[in-house]
């Protein structure tokens, strides 16, 4: 998408998520890139990538695969927004851990306290 004004010609260098179909297009791209790893050790939701593993060694291998897939495209991650080697994680309104999947209490408190 480009814009032309009297001050010049402007275009996005990256896809702007304010565009109507941008999230769906990006999700489709990510699903295509990680298709062979989905539900094996990767779960995707738009720009969230969740890697799960049984051990730290396996997690390191999975992480290397993920970075290689991204590098081949080239797509980038912002490491300041990443969290690594967590024992539990909040993801899409759930808490995921070795104990299983539970609803995130922060998300359900509003429903419980509804009049």
N, C-alpha and C. Protein backbone atom coordinates (compact mmCIF):
# COMPACT_ATOMS: atom_id res chain seq x y z
N UNK A 1 0.85 -1.17 0.00
CA UNK A 1 0.00 0.00 0.00
C UNK A 1 0.90 1.23 0.00
N UNK A 2 0.57 2.16 -0.84
CA UNK A 2 1.35 3.40 -0.92
C UNK A 2 0.42 4.59 -0.78
N UNK A 3 1.02 5.68 -0.38
CA UNK A 3 0.28 6.94 -0.27
C UNK A 3 1.10 8.02 -0.95
N UNK A 4 0.42 8.88 -1.67
CA UNK A 4 1.11 9.98 -2.33
C UNK A 4 0.51 11.27 -1.79
N UNK A 5 1.38 12.14 -1.32
CA UNK A 5 0.97 13.45 -0.84
C UNK A 5 1.81 14.50 -1.56
N UNK A 6 1.53 15.74 -1.31
CA UNK A 6 2.34 16.78 -1.93
C UNK A 6 3.75 16.81 -1.33
N UNK A 7 3.94 16.10 -0.22
CA UNK A 7 5.25 16.05 0.43
C UNK A 7 6.08 14.86 -0.02
N UNK A 8 5.49 13.97 -0.78
CA UNK A 8 6.24 12.83 -1.25
C UNK A 8 5.41 11.57 -1.37
N UNK A 9 6.09 10.51 -1.75
CA UNK A 9 5.48 9.20 -1.97
C UNK A 9 5.90 8.30 -0.80
N UNK A 10 4.93 7.67 -0.12
CA UNK A 10 5.22 6.86 1.06
C UNK A 10 4.65 5.46 0.88
N UNK A 11 5.42 4.48 1.33
CA UNK A 11 4.91 3.12 1.32
C UNK A 11 5.44 2.38 2.55
N UNK A 12 4.66 1.40 2.99
CA UNK A 12 5.05 0.60 4.14
C UNK A 12 6.26 -0.25 3.79
N UNK A 13 7.19 -0.36 4.72
CA UNK A 13 8.31 -1.28 4.56
C UNK A 13 7.96 -2.65 5.11
N UNK A 14 7.00 -2.68 6.01
CA UNK A 14 6.47 -3.92 6.56
C UNK A 14 4.95 -3.84 6.51
N UNK A 15 4.29 -4.98 6.65
CA UNK A 15 2.83 -4.98 6.60
C UNK A 15 2.26 -4.29 7.83
N UNK A 16 1.41 -3.34 7.61
CA UNK A 16 0.76 -2.65 8.71
C UNK A 16 -0.44 -3.46 9.17
N UNK A 17 -0.53 -3.74 10.47
CA UNK A 17 -1.63 -4.54 10.97
C UNK A 17 -2.93 -3.75 11.06
N UNK A 18 -2.88 -2.45 10.74
CA UNK A 18 -4.13 -1.69 10.71
C UNK A 18 -4.90 -1.95 9.41
N UNK A 19 -4.26 -2.55 8.43
CA UNK A 19 -4.96 -2.92 7.20
C UNK A 19 -5.92 -4.06 7.49
N UNK A 20 -7.07 -4.04 6.89
CA UNK A 20 -8.15 -4.97 7.21
C UNK A 20 -7.73 -6.44 7.16
N UNK A 21 -7.08 -6.86 6.12
CA UNK A 21 -6.76 -8.28 5.95
C UNK A 21 -5.36 -8.66 6.40
N UNK A 22 -4.61 -7.72 6.95
CA UNK A 22 -3.22 -8.00 7.33
C UNK A 22 -3.09 -9.13 8.35
N UNK A 23 -3.86 -9.14 9.44
CA UNK A 23 -3.71 -10.25 10.39
C UNK A 23 -4.00 -11.61 9.77
N UNK A 24 -5.03 -11.69 8.94
CA UNK A 24 -5.37 -12.97 8.31
C UNK A 24 -4.29 -13.39 7.32
N UNK A 25 -3.76 -12.45 6.56
CA UNK A 25 -2.69 -12.77 5.60
C UNK A 25 -1.43 -13.23 6.33
N UNK A 26 -1.11 -12.56 7.43
CA UNK A 26 0.08 -12.95 8.20
C UNK A 26 -0.11 -14.32 8.83
N UNK A 27 -1.30 -14.58 9.35
CA UNK A 27 -1.59 -15.88 9.96
C UNK A 27 -1.48 -16.99 8.91
N UNK A 28 -1.96 -16.73 7.71
CA UNK A 28 -1.85 -17.71 6.63
C UNK A 28 -0.38 -17.97 6.29
N UNK A 29 0.41 -16.91 6.22
CA UNK A 29 1.84 -17.07 5.96
C UNK A 29 2.50 -17.92 7.04
N UNK A 30 2.24 -17.60 8.30
CA UNK A 30 2.85 -18.34 9.40
C UNK A 30 2.42 -19.81 9.39
N UNK A 31 1.15 -20.07 9.11
CA UNK A 31 0.67 -21.45 9.04
C UNK A 31 1.37 -22.22 7.92
N UNK A 32 1.58 -21.57 6.78
CA UNK A 32 2.29 -22.23 5.68
C UNK A 32 3.74 -22.52 6.04
N UNK A 33 4.40 -21.55 6.67
CA UNK A 33 5.82 -21.72 7.02
C UNK A 33 6.04 -22.82 8.04
N UNK A 34 5.14 -22.91 9.02
CA UNK A 34 5.33 -23.84 10.13
C UNK A 34 4.44 -25.07 10.06
N UNK A 35 3.80 -25.31 8.90
CA UNK A 35 2.84 -26.40 8.76
C UNK A 35 3.38 -27.74 9.27
N UNK A 36 4.59 -28.08 8.91
CA UNK A 36 5.13 -29.39 9.31
C UNK A 36 5.43 -29.49 10.80
N UNK A 37 5.45 -28.35 11.51
CA UNK A 37 5.76 -28.37 12.95
C UNK A 37 4.54 -28.08 13.82
N UNK A 38 3.43 -27.67 13.19
CA UNK A 38 2.23 -27.34 13.96
C UNK A 38 1.74 -28.55 14.74
N UNK A 39 1.42 -28.33 15.98
CA UNK A 39 0.93 -29.36 16.90
C UNK A 39 1.95 -30.47 17.17
N UNK A 40 3.16 -30.32 16.65
CA UNK A 40 4.27 -31.21 17.05
C UNK A 40 5.06 -30.53 18.16
N UNK A 41 5.38 -29.24 17.92
CA UNK A 41 6.03 -28.45 18.96
C UNK A 41 5.79 -26.95 18.80
N UNK A 42 4.93 -26.57 17.85
CA UNK A 42 4.64 -25.15 17.62
C UNK A 42 3.14 -24.92 17.62
N UNK A 43 2.73 -23.85 18.29
CA UNK A 43 1.36 -23.34 18.21
C UNK A 43 1.47 -21.87 17.83
N UNK A 44 0.66 -21.45 16.86
CA UNK A 44 0.71 -20.08 16.37
C UNK A 44 -0.61 -19.36 16.60
N UNK A 45 -0.52 -18.09 16.88
CA UNK A 45 -1.70 -17.22 16.84
C UNK A 45 -1.21 -15.84 16.45
N UNK A 46 -1.46 -15.46 15.22
CA UNK A 46 -1.02 -14.22 14.60
C UNK A 46 0.48 -14.05 14.83
N UNK A 47 0.90 -13.12 15.70
CA UNK A 47 2.34 -12.92 15.90
C UNK A 47 2.86 -13.55 17.19
N UNK A 48 2.09 -14.48 17.75
CA UNK A 48 2.54 -15.23 18.93
C UNK A 48 2.96 -16.63 18.47
N UNK A 49 4.15 -17.01 18.87
CA UNK A 49 4.67 -18.34 18.54
C UNK A 49 4.97 -19.04 19.86
N UNK A 50 4.33 -20.16 20.09
CA UNK A 50 4.54 -20.93 21.30
C UNK A 50 5.25 -22.23 20.93
N UNK A 51 6.40 -22.46 21.56
CA UNK A 51 7.15 -23.70 21.37
C UNK A 51 7.03 -24.50 22.66
N UNK A 52 6.69 -25.77 22.53
CA UNK A 52 6.61 -26.62 23.71
C UNK A 52 7.46 -27.87 23.50
N UNK A 53 8.08 -28.32 24.58
CA UNK A 53 9.02 -29.44 24.51
C UNK A 53 9.00 -30.22 25.81
N UNK A 54 9.50 -31.44 25.76
CA UNK A 54 9.56 -32.30 26.95
C UNK A 54 10.83 -32.07 27.77
N UNK A 55 11.87 -31.52 27.15
CA UNK A 55 13.13 -31.31 27.87
C UNK A 55 13.79 -30.03 27.36
N UNK A 56 14.79 -29.56 28.10
CA UNK A 56 15.52 -28.36 27.69
C UNK A 56 16.30 -28.62 26.40
N UNK A 57 16.88 -29.80 26.27
CA UNK A 57 17.62 -30.12 25.04
C UNK A 57 16.70 -30.13 23.83
N UNK A 58 15.54 -30.74 23.99
CA UNK A 58 14.55 -30.77 22.91
C UNK A 58 14.08 -29.35 22.59
N UNK A 59 13.91 -28.54 23.63
CA UNK A 59 13.48 -27.16 23.44
C UNK A 59 14.52 -26.36 22.65
N UNK A 60 15.78 -26.59 22.95
CA UNK A 60 16.85 -25.92 22.22
C UNK A 60 16.82 -26.32 20.75
N UNK A 61 16.62 -27.60 20.46
CA UNK A 61 16.52 -28.06 19.07
C UNK A 61 15.32 -27.42 18.37
N UNK A 62 14.18 -27.38 19.05
CA UNK A 62 12.98 -26.78 18.47
C UNK A 62 13.20 -25.29 18.21
N UNK A 63 13.85 -24.62 19.13
CA UNK A 63 14.11 -23.19 18.98
C UNK A 63 15.01 -22.94 17.78
N UNK A 64 16.02 -23.77 17.57
CA UNK A 64 16.90 -23.63 16.41
C UNK A 64 16.12 -23.80 15.11
N UNK A 65 15.22 -24.77 15.08
CA UNK A 65 14.38 -24.98 13.89
C UNK A 65 13.54 -23.75 13.62
N UNK A 66 12.90 -23.23 14.66
CA UNK A 66 12.06 -22.04 14.52
C UNK A 66 12.86 -20.87 13.97
N UNK A 67 14.02 -20.61 14.54
CA UNK A 67 14.84 -19.50 14.07
C UNK A 67 15.29 -19.69 12.63
N UNK A 68 15.58 -20.92 12.24
CA UNK A 68 16.00 -21.19 10.86
C UNK A 68 14.86 -20.92 9.88
N UNK A 69 13.65 -21.35 10.23
CA UNK A 69 12.49 -21.09 9.37
C UNK A 69 12.29 -19.59 9.21
N UNK A 70 12.37 -18.85 10.29
CA UNK A 70 12.21 -17.40 10.22
C UNK A 70 13.33 -16.75 9.41
N UNK A 71 14.55 -17.20 9.62
CA UNK A 71 15.70 -16.65 8.91
C UNK A 71 15.60 -16.87 7.40
N UNK A 72 15.08 -18.03 7.00
CA UNK A 72 14.97 -18.37 5.58
C UNK A 72 14.00 -17.47 4.83
N UNK A 73 13.12 -16.76 5.51
CA UNK A 73 12.06 -16.01 4.82
C UNK A 73 12.43 -14.63 4.29
N UNK A 74 13.04 -13.70 4.83
CA UNK A 74 13.49 -13.49 6.20
C UNK A 74 12.41 -12.79 7.04
N UNK A 75 12.11 -13.38 8.16
CA UNK A 75 11.23 -12.78 9.17
C UNK A 75 12.05 -12.61 10.44
N UNK A 76 11.64 -11.67 11.28
CA UNK A 76 12.43 -11.35 12.46
C UNK A 76 11.58 -11.40 13.71
N UNK A 77 12.23 -11.70 14.82
CA UNK A 77 11.57 -11.63 16.12
C UNK A 77 12.24 -10.52 16.92
N UNK A 78 11.46 -9.89 17.76
CA UNK A 78 12.00 -8.87 18.65
C UNK A 78 12.30 -9.57 19.98
N UNK A 79 13.57 -9.81 20.25
CA UNK A 79 13.94 -10.62 21.40
C UNK A 79 13.52 -10.00 22.73
N UNK A 80 13.34 -8.67 22.77
CA UNK A 80 12.88 -8.05 24.02
C UNK A 80 11.44 -8.44 24.35
N UNK A 81 10.71 -8.96 23.36
CA UNK A 81 9.33 -9.40 23.59
C UNK A 81 9.23 -10.92 23.79
N UNK A 82 10.36 -11.61 23.75
CA UNK A 82 10.38 -13.06 23.86
C UNK A 82 10.61 -13.51 25.30
N UNK A 83 10.07 -14.67 25.62
CA UNK A 83 10.32 -15.31 26.91
C UNK A 83 10.75 -16.74 26.61
N UNK A 84 11.77 -17.19 27.32
CA UNK A 84 12.35 -18.49 27.03
C UNK A 84 12.32 -19.41 28.24
N UNK A 85 12.21 -20.69 27.98
CA UNK A 85 12.32 -21.76 28.96
C UNK A 85 11.41 -21.54 30.18
N UNK A 86 10.15 -21.26 29.89
CA UNK A 86 9.17 -21.05 30.96
C UNK A 86 8.57 -22.40 31.37
N UNK A 87 8.25 -22.54 32.63
CA UNK A 87 7.58 -23.75 33.13
C UNK A 87 6.07 -23.65 32.96
N UNK A 88 5.56 -22.43 32.92
CA UNK A 88 4.14 -22.21 32.61
C UNK A 88 4.03 -20.90 31.85
N UNK A 89 2.99 -20.79 31.03
CA UNK A 89 2.84 -19.61 30.20
C UNK A 89 1.36 -19.27 30.07
N UNK A 90 1.06 -17.97 30.08
CA UNK A 90 -0.29 -17.50 29.79
C UNK A 90 -0.40 -17.35 28.27
N UNK A 91 -1.38 -18.02 27.68
CA UNK A 91 -1.52 -18.00 26.22
C UNK A 91 -2.99 -18.06 25.86
N UNK A 92 -3.49 -17.02 25.22
CA UNK A 92 -4.87 -16.95 24.75
C UNK A 92 -5.89 -17.25 25.84
N UNK A 93 -5.68 -16.65 27.02
CA UNK A 93 -6.65 -16.80 28.10
C UNK A 93 -6.53 -18.08 28.89
N UNK A 94 -5.45 -18.82 28.70
CA UNK A 94 -5.22 -20.07 29.41
C UNK A 94 -3.83 -20.07 30.04
N UNK A 95 -3.66 -20.86 31.06
CA UNK A 95 -2.35 -21.10 31.64
C UNK A 95 -1.94 -22.52 31.23
N UNK A 96 -0.82 -22.63 30.54
CA UNK A 96 -0.34 -23.91 30.06
C UNK A 96 0.91 -24.29 30.85
N UNK A 97 0.90 -25.49 31.42
CA UNK A 97 2.04 -25.96 32.21
C UNK A 97 2.12 -27.48 32.10
N UNK A 98 3.05 -28.07 32.82
CA UNK A 98 3.16 -29.53 32.85
C UNK A 98 1.90 -30.17 33.44
N UNK A 99 1.20 -29.41 34.26
CA UNK A 99 0.00 -29.93 34.92
C UNK A 99 -1.20 -29.96 33.96
N UNK A 100 -1.07 -29.31 32.80
CA UNK A 100 -2.16 -29.29 31.84
C UNK A 100 -2.52 -27.87 31.45
N UNK A 101 -3.74 -27.70 31.00
CA UNK A 101 -4.23 -26.40 30.54
C UNK A 101 -5.38 -25.99 31.45
N UNK A 102 -5.29 -24.77 31.97
CA UNK A 102 -6.33 -24.23 32.85
C UNK A 102 -6.73 -22.85 32.34
N UNK A 103 -7.93 -22.43 32.71
CA UNK A 103 -8.33 -21.06 32.41
C UNK A 103 -7.47 -20.11 33.21
N UNK A 104 -7.12 -18.97 32.62
CA UNK A 104 -6.36 -17.94 33.32
C UNK A 104 -7.29 -17.24 34.30
N UNK A 105 -7.02 -17.31 35.61
CA UNK A 105 -7.90 -16.68 36.60
C UNK A 105 -8.09 -15.18 36.36
N UNK A 106 -7.10 -14.52 35.81
CA UNK A 106 -7.23 -13.08 35.52
C UNK A 106 -8.35 -12.83 34.51
N UNK A 107 -8.56 -13.78 33.62
CA UNK A 107 -9.59 -13.63 32.60
C UNK A 107 -10.97 -14.05 33.10
N UNK A 108 -11.03 -14.98 34.04
CA UNK A 108 -12.32 -15.48 34.50
C UNK A 108 -12.88 -14.69 35.68
N UNK A 109 -12.05 -13.90 36.36
CA UNK A 109 -12.53 -13.12 37.51
C UNK A 109 -13.65 -12.16 37.12
N UNK A 110 -13.53 -11.54 35.96
CA UNK A 110 -14.55 -10.60 35.52
C UNK A 110 -15.89 -11.30 35.32
N UNK A 111 -15.87 -12.50 34.80
CA UNK A 111 -17.10 -13.26 34.58
C UNK A 111 -17.69 -13.70 35.92
N UNK A 112 -16.85 -14.15 36.84
CA UNK A 112 -17.33 -14.59 38.15
C UNK A 112 -17.96 -13.46 38.95
N UNK A 113 -17.44 -12.25 38.81
CA UNK A 113 -17.96 -11.12 39.58
C UNK A 113 -19.08 -10.37 38.87
N UNK A 114 -19.50 -10.86 37.71
CA UNK A 114 -20.58 -10.20 36.97
C UNK A 114 -21.87 -10.32 37.77
N UNK A 115 -22.62 -9.21 37.88
CA UNK A 115 -23.85 -9.24 38.72
C UNK A 115 -24.91 -10.19 38.28
